[in-house]
Protein backbone atom coordinates (compact mmCIF):
# COMPACT_ATOMS: atom_id res chain seq x y z
CA MET A 1 3.94 -16.17 -27.18
CA ASN A 2 4.06 -18.72 -25.07
CA ARG A 3 3.75 -18.51 -21.25
CA ASP A 4 7.66 -19.37 -20.19
CA ALA A 5 8.93 -16.67 -22.79
CA LEU A 6 6.55 -14.05 -21.34
CA ASP A 7 7.51 -14.73 -17.98
CA ARG A 8 11.42 -14.82 -18.88
CA THR A 9 10.03 -10.44 -20.09
CA THR A 10 8.52 -9.77 -17.32
CA ARG A 11 9.42 -6.83 -14.86
CA ILE A 12 8.09 -7.71 -10.98
CA VAL A 13 8.87 -4.98 -8.58
CA ILE A 14 8.04 -5.66 -4.04
CA ALA A 15 6.47 -3.18 -2.39
CA GLU A 16 7.31 -4.79 1.08
CA ASP A 17 8.72 -2.99 4.05
CA HIS A 18 9.76 -6.53 6.17
CA THR A 19 13.20 -7.24 4.71
CA LEU A 20 13.40 -11.02 5.10
CA MET A 21 9.52 -11.52 3.70
CA ALA A 22 10.62 -9.69 0.86
CA GLU A 23 14.47 -11.27 0.09
CA GLY A 24 12.46 -14.41 0.58
CA LEU A 25 10.24 -13.96 -1.75
CA ARG A 26 12.86 -12.56 -4.43
CA LYS A 27 14.63 -15.54 -4.41
CA LEU A 28 11.17 -17.27 -5.24
CA LEU A 29 10.16 -15.04 -8.32
CA GLU A 30 13.27 -14.74 -9.54
CA SER A 31 12.78 -18.48 -10.32
CA GLU A 32 10.28 -17.78 -12.62
CA PHE A 33 10.87 -14.27 -13.61
CA GLU A 34 13.92 -12.32 -15.92
CA SER A 35 13.62 -8.89 -13.89
CA VAL A 36 12.38 -9.03 -9.46
CA THR A 37 13.01 -5.19 -7.45
CA VAL A 38 12.41 -4.65 -3.70
CA VAL A 39 11.45 -1.22 -2.78
CA GLY A 40 10.59 -0.64 1.33
CA ASN A 41 7.74 1.76 1.09
CA GLY A 42 5.69 3.49 -1.02
CA ARG A 43 7.68 6.33 -2.30
CA GLU A 44 10.33 4.24 -2.74
CA LEU A 45 7.50 2.35 -5.13
CA LEU A 46 6.27 5.20 -7.32
CA ASP A 47 9.83 6.65 -7.77
CA THR A 48 11.50 3.02 -9.19
CA THR A 49 8.29 2.98 -11.18
CA ALA A 50 8.58 6.52 -12.87
CA VAL A 51 12.28 5.53 -13.62
CA SER A 52 11.06 2.05 -15.07
CA PRO A 53 7.20 1.03 -15.07
CA PRO A 54 6.57 -2.98 -13.81
CA HIS A 55 4.41 -5.21 -15.62
CA VAL A 56 3.40 -6.21 -11.84
CA ALA A 57 3.41 -4.11 -8.44
CA LEU A 58 3.34 -6.39 -5.29
CA VAL A 59 1.67 -4.11 -2.91
CA ASP A 60 1.97 -4.32 1.26
CA ILE A 61 -0.91 -2.81 2.55
CA GLY A 62 0.43 -1.40 5.50
CA MET A 63 4.14 0.52 4.42
CA PRO A 64 5.90 3.40 6.19
CA LEU A 65 5.50 6.74 5.31
CA LEU A 66 2.96 6.01 2.04
CA ASP A 67 0.76 3.19 2.82
CA GLY A 68 0.11 0.34 -0.28
CA ILE A 69 -3.77 1.63 -1.28
CA GLU A 70 -2.21 5.22 -1.59
CA ALA A 71 0.30 3.90 -3.34
CA THR A 72 -1.38 1.78 -5.27
CA ARG A 73 -3.69 4.85 -6.64
CA ARG A 74 -0.53 7.28 -7.14
CA LEU A 75 0.98 3.93 -9.05
CA ARG A 76 -1.59 4.01 -11.53
CA GLU A 77 -1.56 7.47 -12.52
CA ILE A 78 2.17 7.41 -13.26
CA SER A 79 2.17 4.01 -14.96
CA PRO A 80 -1.32 2.54 -16.13
CA ALA A 81 -0.54 -0.54 -17.71
CA THR A 82 1.14 -2.13 -14.42
CA LYS A 83 -0.93 -4.69 -12.59
CA VAL A 84 -1.04 -4.27 -8.99
CA VAL A 85 -1.69 -7.22 -6.86
CA ILE A 86 -2.03 -6.35 -3.14
CA LEU A 87 0.36 -8.84 -0.94
CA THR A 88 -1.11 -8.64 2.84
CA ALA A 89 -1.86 -10.15 5.69
CA HIS A 90 -5.00 -8.17 5.82
CA ASN A 91 -8.08 -10.13 5.73
CA GLU A 92 -10.90 -8.02 6.30
CA PRO A 93 -13.04 -8.36 2.85
CA GLN A 94 -13.22 -4.03 3.24
CA TYR A 95 -9.66 -3.95 2.43
CA VAL A 96 -10.14 -6.31 -0.51
CA VAL A 97 -13.10 -3.25 -1.88
CA GLU A 98 -10.95 -0.28 -0.83
CA ALA A 99 -7.55 -1.41 -2.84
CA PHE A 100 -9.59 -2.61 -6.16
CA ARG A 101 -11.13 1.09 -5.53
CA ALA A 102 -7.62 2.09 -5.69
CA GLY A 103 -7.12 0.23 -9.05
CA ALA A 104 -5.29 -2.86 -8.26
CA ILE A 105 -6.49 -6.49 -9.78
CA GLY A 106 -5.58 -8.82 -7.40
CA PHE A 107 -5.19 -9.49 -3.79
CA VAL A 108 -3.86 -12.43 -2.24
CA LEU A 109 -2.80 -13.09 1.38
CA LYS A 110 0.75 -13.53 2.81
CA CYS A 111 -0.64 -17.00 4.21
CA CYS A 112 -1.11 -18.56 0.43
CA LYS A 113 0.90 -21.04 -1.12
CA PHE A 114 3.47 -19.62 -3.40
CA SER A 115 1.66 -21.26 -6.65
CA GLU A 116 -1.18 -19.01 -5.58
CA LEU A 117 0.54 -16.23 -5.80
CA LEU A 118 1.94 -17.06 -9.54
CA ILE A 119 -1.22 -17.40 -10.29
CA ALA A 120 -2.33 -14.26 -8.98
CA ILE A 121 0.59 -12.97 -10.95
CA ARG A 122 -0.75 -14.83 -14.58
CA CYS A 123 -3.74 -14.44 -14.02
CA VAL A 124 -3.43 -10.15 -13.85
CA LEU A 125 -0.71 -10.50 -16.82
CA ALA A 126 -3.71 -11.65 -18.78
CA GLY A 127 -6.12 -8.98 -18.23
CA HIS A 128 -8.26 -10.85 -15.14
CA THR A 129 -8.89 -9.99 -11.47
CA TYR A 130 -8.11 -12.17 -9.19
CA VAL A 131 -9.21 -12.21 -4.95
CA THR A 132 -7.78 -15.25 -3.00
CA PRO A 133 -10.31 -17.90 -2.53
CA LEU A 134 -10.52 -17.05 0.83
CA LEU A 135 -12.00 -14.06 0.31
CA ALA A 136 -13.63 -13.93 -2.71
CA THR A 137 -17.20 -14.42 -1.34
CA ALA A 138 -16.94 -12.64 1.61
CA VAL A 139 -15.93 -9.51 -0.72
CA GLU A 140 -18.88 -9.87 -2.62
CA THR A 141 -21.21 -8.99 -0.31
CA THR A 142 -19.25 -5.99 0.87
CA MET A 143 -19.09 -4.07 -2.55
CA GLU A 144 -21.81 -1.66 -1.70
CA PRO A 145 -21.15 2.11 -1.35
CA THR A 146 -19.53 2.40 2.38
CA PRO A 147 -20.68 5.35 4.91
CA VAL A 148 -17.08 6.11 6.50
CA PRO A 149 -15.87 8.81 5.32
CA THR A 150 -13.31 9.04 2.28
CA LEU A 151 -10.20 10.99 2.82
CA THR A 152 -8.42 13.17 0.31
CA SER A 153 -4.42 11.63 -1.09
CA ARG A 154 -3.34 14.25 0.85
CA GLN A 155 -5.00 14.33 4.17
CA ARG A 156 -3.97 9.71 4.00
CA GLU A 157 -0.22 10.86 3.41
CA VAL A 158 -0.74 13.06 7.01
CA LEU A 159 -3.01 10.99 8.87
CA GLN A 160 -0.07 7.75 8.15
CA LEU A 161 2.93 10.38 9.19
CA VAL A 162 0.77 11.56 12.05
CA ALA A 163 -0.04 7.98 13.42
CA GLU A 164 3.84 6.80 12.36
CA GLY A 165 5.35 9.89 15.45
CA TYR A 166 6.08 12.21 12.97
CA THR A 167 5.34 16.36 14.49
CA ALA A 168 3.63 18.55 12.68
CA LYS A 169 7.37 20.26 11.64
CA GLU A 170 8.66 16.90 10.60
CA ILE A 171 5.32 16.04 8.74
CA ALA A 172 5.34 19.75 6.50
CA GLN A 173 9.37 19.15 6.01
CA ALA A 174 8.51 15.74 4.42
CA LEU A 175 5.68 17.00 2.23
CA ASP A 176 6.80 20.10 1.58
CA LEU A 177 4.63 21.97 2.90
CA SER A 178 4.31 24.95 6.02
CA VAL A 179 3.88 24.04 9.47
CA LYS A 180 0.68 25.69 9.66
CA THR A 181 -0.51 23.86 6.44
CA ALA A 182 0.15 20.69 7.85
CA VAL A 183 -1.75 20.87 11.33
CA PHE A 184 -4.66 22.18 9.24
CA HIS A 185 -4.80 18.94 7.46
CA LYS A 186 -4.16 17.51 10.69
CA SER A 187 -7.66 19.35 11.98
CA ALA A 188 -9.86 18.62 8.69
CA ILE A 189 -8.88 14.78 9.12
CA MET A 190 -9.82 14.96 12.91
CA GLU A 191 -13.12 16.40 11.57
CA LYS A 192 -13.89 14.77 9.22
CA LEU A 193 -13.52 11.45 11.10
CA GLY A 194 -14.97 12.73 14.26
CA LEU A 195 -11.74 12.04 16.36
CA HIS A 196 -9.65 14.75 18.87
CA THR A 197 -6.71 13.41 19.73
CA THR A 198 -3.71 12.04 18.36
CA ALA A 199 -3.94 8.64 19.82
CA GLU A 200 -7.74 8.43 18.03
CA LEU A 201 -5.88 9.16 14.42
CA THR A 202 -3.04 6.49 15.26
CA ARG A 203 -6.15 3.91 16.17
CA TYR A 204 -8.15 5.16 12.97
CA ALA A 205 -4.77 3.88 10.64
CA LEU A 206 -4.06 1.27 12.43
CA GLU A 207 -8.08 -0.52 11.98
CA HIS A 208 -7.49 0.86 8.26
CA GLY A 209 -4.39 -0.26 7.59
CA ILE A 210 -3.17 3.14 6.90
CA CYS A 211 -0.06 2.42 8.24
CA ALA A 212 1.73 -0.79 10.07
CA THR A 213 3.34 0.82 13.04
CA THR A 214 3.17 3.73 15.00
CA TYR A 215 7.57 3.79 14.66
CA HIS A 216 9.48 4.51 12.04
CA PRO A 217 13.10 4.80 11.95
CA LEU A 218 13.17 8.36 10.46
CA ALA A 219 10.99 9.83 12.96
CA ASN A 220 12.15 11.98 15.76
CA THR A 221 12.81 9.52 18.63
CA ALA A 222 13.70 11.92 21.07
CA ASN A 223 10.57 14.11 20.33
CA THR A 224 7.39 12.50 22.58
CA GLY A 225 5.39 15.98 23.35
CA PRO A 226 1.94 16.47 21.00
CA SER A 227 2.79 17.70 18.04
């Protein structure tokens, strides 16, 4: 099958919560590929993948409800054949390392040209890895094990929702947990990371790409007290 024929049978999903960028990217990709779908967060990405696994998923890191790294890890469990390319503004080498450990095989910066994104997509479709040249050299020196504590999947979920302003009750509802369990997870995260306040947890989540913002439309904005 030649490249044009392959492109015309390729299904791509874009996981990006910034609507203007997502729609603009979809328009560009539709000129090259048969099917391009947009979802707005990590949970929608998993739901879409479960129904119709894409050949390639372009995944932002800082998305609401479920960040791109954790979404990648779960997507690979649902659909091992899907090739994940992280498309992000985060240009620190440690994000590349974490993304690849989660199962991504491509990493492209949002500042790249569209032609580079096409190269990355076709590269991963061919079974190869791709890291934007702006980061490739730096990543090679960052691939050694890191002493930073590793959070479980559930802890990453709870941490993201805490950072997005959800209360313990709202976290429990969102993750189908008891409030007591939600509070337990938050305490366990604080102990593991050596942090002591919600503000410190929020700062950690922002600095590590677990969330991109401290506000989400589904959060209870009327409740500004401690959770």
